[in-house]
Amino acid sequence: MMLQIVRSAGRWLSKDVSEDHALLAGFMVTLYPMVRDEDLDAFKTVMNKNGLNPSDFKWPVNEKAVHPTCEPEKFQQRSAMFAEVLESRHAM
């Protein structure tokens, strides 16, 4: 999991963002979609205590990523996570 976070952060760094933003993006895209709803507050608290504010992160949007029964925002987040995973596998 840590390798995926580091790879994701590295891809964000190549998009010319700050190291803090790249690290936040790595955590958000890799971990956030997997956090259970009841654990989201704890996740956000831990991130904030470490200087990373999850509300500062803007999710990549893919208009083609829609699902008839899933909440649109959560589906977009999960789609972004899976896109990062696929992108990292192709980079290997």
N, C-alpha and C. Protein backbone atom coordinates (compact mmCIF):
# COMPACT_ATOMS: atom_id res chain seq x y z
N MET A 1 0.82 -1.20 0.00
CA MET A 1 0.00 0.00 0.00
C MET A 1 0.87 1.26 0.00
N MET A 2 1.94 1.25 0.80
CA MET A 2 2.81 2.43 0.86
C MET A 2 3.45 2.71 -0.50
N LEU A 3 3.83 1.66 -1.20
CA LEU A 3 4.42 1.84 -2.52
C LEU A 3 3.44 2.52 -3.47
N GLN A 4 2.18 2.14 -3.39
CA GLN A 4 1.14 2.76 -4.23
C GLN A 4 0.99 4.24 -3.89
N ILE A 5 1.04 4.58 -2.59
CA ILE A 5 0.93 5.98 -2.18
C ILE A 5 2.11 6.78 -2.72
N VAL A 6 3.31 6.24 -2.60
CA VAL A 6 4.51 6.92 -3.08
C VAL A 6 4.47 7.09 -4.60
N ARG A 7 4.07 6.06 -5.30
CA ARG A 7 3.97 6.16 -6.77
C ARG A 7 2.95 7.21 -7.18
N SER A 8 1.82 7.20 -6.50
CA SER A 8 0.78 8.19 -6.79
C SER A 8 1.29 9.60 -6.53
N ALA A 9 1.95 9.80 -5.40
CA ALA A 9 2.51 11.12 -5.07
C ALA A 9 3.53 11.54 -6.13
N GLY A 10 4.33 10.61 -6.59
CA GLY A 10 5.31 10.91 -7.63
C GLY A 10 4.67 11.36 -8.93
N ARG A 11 3.56 10.71 -9.30
CA ARG A 11 2.85 11.12 -10.52
C ARG A 11 2.28 12.52 -10.35
N TRP A 12 1.79 12.84 -9.14
CA TRP A 12 1.26 14.18 -8.90
C TRP A 12 2.38 15.22 -8.94
N LEU A 13 3.57 14.86 -8.43
CA LEU A 13 4.70 15.78 -8.48
C LEU A 13 5.07 16.12 -9.92
N SER A 14 4.92 15.15 -10.81
CA SER A 14 5.25 15.41 -12.21
C SER A 14 4.23 16.36 -12.85
N LYS A 15 3.12 16.62 -12.16
CA LYS A 15 2.11 17.57 -12.65
C LYS A 15 2.40 18.98 -12.14
N ASP A 16 3.62 19.16 -11.59
CA ASP A 16 4.08 20.47 -11.12
C ASP A 16 3.23 21.01 -9.97
N VAL A 17 3.03 20.19 -8.94
CA VAL A 17 2.36 20.64 -7.72
C VAL A 17 3.37 20.57 -6.58
N SER A 18 3.03 21.18 -5.45
CA SER A 18 3.94 21.16 -4.30
C SER A 18 4.06 19.74 -3.74
N GLU A 19 5.11 19.51 -2.96
CA GLU A 19 5.29 18.19 -2.34
C GLU A 19 4.13 17.88 -1.40
N ASP A 20 3.67 18.89 -0.64
CA ASP A 20 2.54 18.68 0.27
C ASP A 20 1.30 18.25 -0.49
N HIS A 21 1.03 18.93 -1.61
CA HIS A 21 -0.15 18.57 -2.40
C HIS A 21 -0.01 17.17 -3.00
N ALA A 22 1.20 16.85 -3.46
CA ALA A 22 1.43 15.53 -4.05
C ALA A 22 1.23 14.44 -3.00
N LEU A 23 1.71 14.67 -1.78
CA LEU A 23 1.53 13.68 -0.71
C LEU A 23 0.06 13.55 -0.34
N LEU A 24 -0.64 14.68 -0.22
CA LEU A 24 -2.08 14.65 0.07
C LEU A 24 -2.81 13.88 -1.03
N ALA A 25 -2.47 14.15 -2.28
CA ALA A 25 -3.11 13.46 -3.39
C ALA A 25 -2.83 11.97 -3.35
N GLY A 26 -1.59 11.59 -3.02
CA GLY A 26 -1.25 10.17 -2.92
C GLY A 26 -2.10 9.46 -1.89
N PHE A 27 -2.25 10.08 -0.72
CA PHE A 27 -3.09 9.48 0.33
C PHE A 27 -4.55 9.46 -0.07
N MET A 28 -5.04 10.59 -0.59
CA MET A 28 -6.47 10.67 -0.89
C MET A 28 -6.89 9.70 -1.99
N VAL A 29 -6.12 9.66 -3.06
CA VAL A 29 -6.51 8.81 -4.19
C VAL A 29 -6.32 7.34 -3.86
N THR A 30 -5.31 7.02 -3.05
CA THR A 30 -5.03 5.62 -2.75
C THR A 30 -5.85 5.08 -1.59
N LEU A 31 -6.00 5.86 -0.54
CA LEU A 31 -6.64 5.35 0.67
C LEU A 31 -8.09 5.77 0.89
N TYR A 32 -8.39 7.04 0.63
CA TYR A 32 -9.70 7.58 0.98
C TYR A 32 -10.88 6.77 0.45
N PRO A 33 -10.87 6.34 -0.81
CA PRO A 33 -12.02 5.57 -1.30
C PRO A 33 -12.22 4.22 -0.59
N MET A 34 -11.18 3.73 0.09
CA MET A 34 -11.31 2.45 0.78
C MET A 34 -11.72 2.59 2.25
N VAL A 35 -11.73 3.83 2.75
CA VAL A 35 -12.08 4.05 4.15
C VAL A 35 -13.60 3.93 4.31
N ARG A 36 -14.00 3.15 5.31
CA ARG A 36 -15.43 2.98 5.56
C ARG A 36 -16.03 4.31 6.03
N ASP A 37 -17.30 4.51 5.73
CA ASP A 37 -17.97 5.76 6.08
C ASP A 37 -17.83 6.09 7.57
N GLU A 38 -17.93 5.09 8.42
CA GLU A 38 -17.86 5.34 9.87
C GLU A 38 -16.44 5.70 10.32
N ASP A 39 -15.44 5.50 9.47
CA ASP A 39 -14.06 5.83 9.81
C ASP A 39 -13.54 7.10 9.15
N LEU A 40 -14.38 7.77 8.35
CA LEU A 40 -13.94 8.95 7.62
C LEU A 40 -13.50 10.08 8.55
N ASP A 41 -14.23 10.30 9.65
CA ASP A 41 -13.85 11.38 10.57
C ASP A 41 -12.48 11.11 11.17
N ALA A 42 -12.22 9.88 11.55
CA ALA A 42 -10.91 9.53 12.12
C ALA A 42 -9.81 9.72 11.07
N PHE A 43 -10.07 9.31 9.84
CA PHE A 43 -9.10 9.48 8.76
C PHE A 43 -8.78 10.97 8.57
N LYS A 44 -9.82 11.80 8.50
CA LYS A 44 -9.61 13.23 8.31
C LYS A 44 -8.86 13.85 9.49
N THR A 45 -9.15 13.40 10.71
CA THR A 45 -8.47 13.91 11.90
C THR A 45 -6.98 13.58 11.85
N VAL A 46 -6.65 12.34 11.51
CA VAL A 46 -5.24 11.93 11.42
C VAL A 46 -4.53 12.73 10.33
N MET A 47 -5.17 12.90 9.20
CA MET A 47 -4.56 13.67 8.11
C MET A 47 -4.32 15.12 8.54
N ASN A 48 -5.32 15.73 9.20
CA ASN A 48 -5.17 17.12 9.65
C ASN A 48 -4.06 17.26 10.68
N LYS A 49 -3.95 16.31 11.60
CA LYS A 49 -2.90 16.36 12.62
C LYS A 49 -1.51 16.28 12.00
N ASN A 50 -1.43 15.73 10.80
CA ASN A 50 -0.15 15.60 10.11
C ASN A 50 0.03 16.66 9.03
N GLY A 51 -0.78 17.70 9.10
CA GLY A 51 -0.62 18.84 8.19
C GLY A 51 -1.23 18.69 6.82
N LEU A 52 -2.05 17.68 6.61
CA LEU A 52 -2.70 17.46 5.31
C LEU A 52 -4.20 17.60 5.48
N ASN A 53 -4.80 18.55 4.79
CA ASN A 53 -6.23 18.81 4.92
C ASN A 53 -6.98 18.16 3.76
N PRO A 54 -7.70 17.08 4.03
CA PRO A 54 -8.42 16.38 2.94
C PRO A 54 -9.40 17.27 2.18
N SER A 55 -9.95 18.29 2.82
CA SER A 55 -10.91 19.14 2.11
C SER A 55 -10.22 20.03 1.07
N ASP A 56 -8.87 20.14 1.12
CA ASP A 56 -8.13 20.90 0.12
C ASP A 56 -7.96 20.13 -1.19
N PHE A 57 -8.19 18.82 -1.16
CA PHE A 57 -7.96 17.99 -2.34
C PHE A 57 -9.14 18.06 -3.29
N LYS A 58 -8.83 18.30 -4.56
CA LYS A 58 -9.86 18.31 -5.61
C LYS A 58 -9.74 17.01 -6.39
N TRP A 59 -10.78 16.20 -6.35
CA TRP A 59 -10.77 14.90 -7.02
C TRP A 59 -10.75 15.05 -8.53
N PRO A 60 -9.95 14.21 -9.20
CA PRO A 60 -10.03 14.18 -10.66
C PRO A 60 -11.43 13.71 -11.06
N VAL A 61 -11.99 14.30 -12.08
CA VAL A 61 -13.36 13.95 -12.48
C VAL A 61 -13.33 13.30 -13.86
N ASN A 62 -14.05 12.21 -13.96
CA ASN A 62 -14.22 11.52 -15.23
C ASN A 62 -15.73 11.45 -15.47
N GLU A 63 -16.23 12.27 -16.38
CA GLU A 63 -17.68 12.33 -16.63
C GLU A 63 -18.25 10.99 -17.09
N LYS A 64 -17.39 10.13 -17.64
CA LYS A 64 -17.87 8.83 -18.10
C LYS A 64 -18.07 7.85 -16.95
N ALA A 65 -17.51 8.18 -15.77
CA ALA A 65 -17.61 7.27 -14.62
C ALA A 65 -18.92 7.53 -13.88
N VAL A 66 -19.94 6.80 -14.26
CA VAL A 66 -21.25 6.89 -13.59
C VAL A 66 -21.74 5.48 -13.31
N HIS A 67 -22.56 5.37 -12.29
CA HIS A 67 -23.10 4.08 -11.91
C HIS A 67 -24.56 4.30 -11.49
N PRO A 68 -25.47 3.44 -11.91
CA PRO A 68 -26.90 3.68 -11.64
C PRO A 68 -27.29 3.60 -10.17
N THR A 69 -26.54 2.87 -9.34
CA THR A 69 -26.98 2.71 -7.95
C THR A 69 -26.01 3.28 -6.92
N CYS A 70 -24.84 3.74 -7.34
CA CYS A 70 -23.84 4.25 -6.41
C CYS A 70 -23.91 5.78 -6.36
N GLU A 71 -23.69 6.33 -5.18
CA GLU A 71 -23.66 7.79 -5.02
C GLU A 71 -22.60 8.37 -5.95
N PRO A 72 -22.94 9.37 -6.77
CA PRO A 72 -22.00 9.88 -7.78
C PRO A 72 -20.64 10.30 -7.24
N GLU A 73 -20.60 11.04 -6.13
CA GLU A 73 -19.32 11.50 -5.60
C GLU A 73 -18.43 10.34 -5.18
N LYS A 74 -19.01 9.36 -4.50
CA LYS A 74 -18.22 8.20 -4.06
C LYS A 74 -17.75 7.38 -5.26
N PHE A 75 -18.58 7.26 -6.26
CA PHE A 75 -18.18 6.50 -7.44
C PHE A 75 -17.04 7.20 -8.17
N GLN A 76 -17.09 8.53 -8.23
CA GLN A 76 -16.00 9.29 -8.85
C GLN A 76 -14.69 9.07 -8.07
N GLN A 77 -14.77 9.07 -6.74
CA GLN A 77 -13.59 8.85 -5.92
C GLN A 77 -13.00 7.47 -6.17
N ARG A 78 -13.85 6.47 -6.19
CA ARG A 78 -13.37 5.11 -6.42
C ARG A 78 -12.81 4.97 -7.84
N SER A 79 -13.42 5.64 -8.79
CA SER A 79 -12.92 5.60 -10.17
C SER A 79 -11.53 6.22 -10.24
N ALA A 80 -11.33 7.32 -9.52
CA ALA A 80 -10.02 7.97 -9.50
C ALA A 80 -8.99 7.04 -8.87
N MET A 81 -9.37 6.33 -7.80
CA MET A 81 -8.46 5.41 -7.14
C MET A 81 -8.05 4.30 -8.11
N PHE A 82 -9.02 3.70 -8.78
CA PHE A 82 -8.71 2.61 -9.70
C PHE A 82 -7.89 3.09 -10.89
N ALA A 83 -8.14 4.32 -11.35
CA ALA A 83 -7.33 4.88 -12.44
C ALA A 83 -5.88 5.01 -12.01
N GLU A 84 -5.64 5.44 -10.75
CA GLU A 84 -4.28 5.54 -10.22
C GLU A 84 -3.62 4.17 -10.17
N VAL A 85 -4.36 3.17 -9.74
CA VAL A 85 -3.81 1.81 -9.65
C VAL A 85 -3.43 1.32 -11.05
N LEU A 86 -4.32 1.50 -12.01
CA LEU A 86 -4.02 1.06 -13.38
C LEU A 86 -2.84 1.82 -13.96
N GLU A 87 -2.78 3.11 -13.71
CA GLU A 87 -1.69 3.93 -14.22
C GLU A 87 -0.35 3.46 -13.64
N SER A 88 -0.35 3.11 -12.34
CA SER A 88 0.90 2.67 -11.72
C SER A 88 1.33 1.30 -12.25
N ARG A 89 0.39 0.44 -12.58
CA ARG A 89 0.73 -0.87 -13.12
C ARG A 89 1.34 -0.75 -14.51
N HIS A 90 0.85 0.22 -15.30
CA HIS A 90 1.40 0.42 -16.64
C HIS A 90 2.78 1.05 -16.58
N ALA A 91 3.07 1.77 -15.49
CA ALA A 91 4.36 2.44 -15.36
C ALA A 91 5.46 1.48 -14.94
N MET A 92 5.10 0.29 -14.50
CA MET A 92 6.10 -0.67 -14.02
C MET A 92 6.93 -1.23 -15.14
